[in-house]
Amino acid sequence: ARLCENLPQPALELEAKATAPCQCEANDPKWAPPTRNIPKCIFIDLGAADGNSFNAFLSNSYGPVANCPSGKWEAYLVEANPRFVQPLGQLTARFPSVVHVLSTTAAFDCEGSTSFYLDTTSVQCSDARMT
């Protein structure tokens, strides 16, 4: 993740000892077994910005994409900053069945909502920064 210097403090500050507002569900008998039986690479980017890391994946920066099992891959791109809705949408249009974008969404270990400081002037500083 990129760290941009000299930015104002975020709107929300988290204490280091804060506890999660939910508990993980490790098992549930209601969960259906997966029906997928063909192996493939899964690329997950939490803080996808404009898809720059996904493009690096496609350019073999993390290993040859051609070596993915069965030659198949799928990508999940998560980005909280609404500034990146359009470029991520273009990736979905370009790869409609294999790129899944969760725009204006942040990763956490349970459902919830919060506020973020969004840098609306510096394109290269896309990550929401919490201290």
Foldseek 3Di string as FASTA:
>chain_A
DDDDPPDDAKPDADDPPDDDPDDDDPDDPPDDDDPDDFFWAEAEAQACQLVVVVVCVCVQVVHDCCPTGVSDYAYEYEHQDQVNPVSLVVVCVVVVPGYHYHYNDGDDRDDDDDDFDADPPDSVPRDGDYD
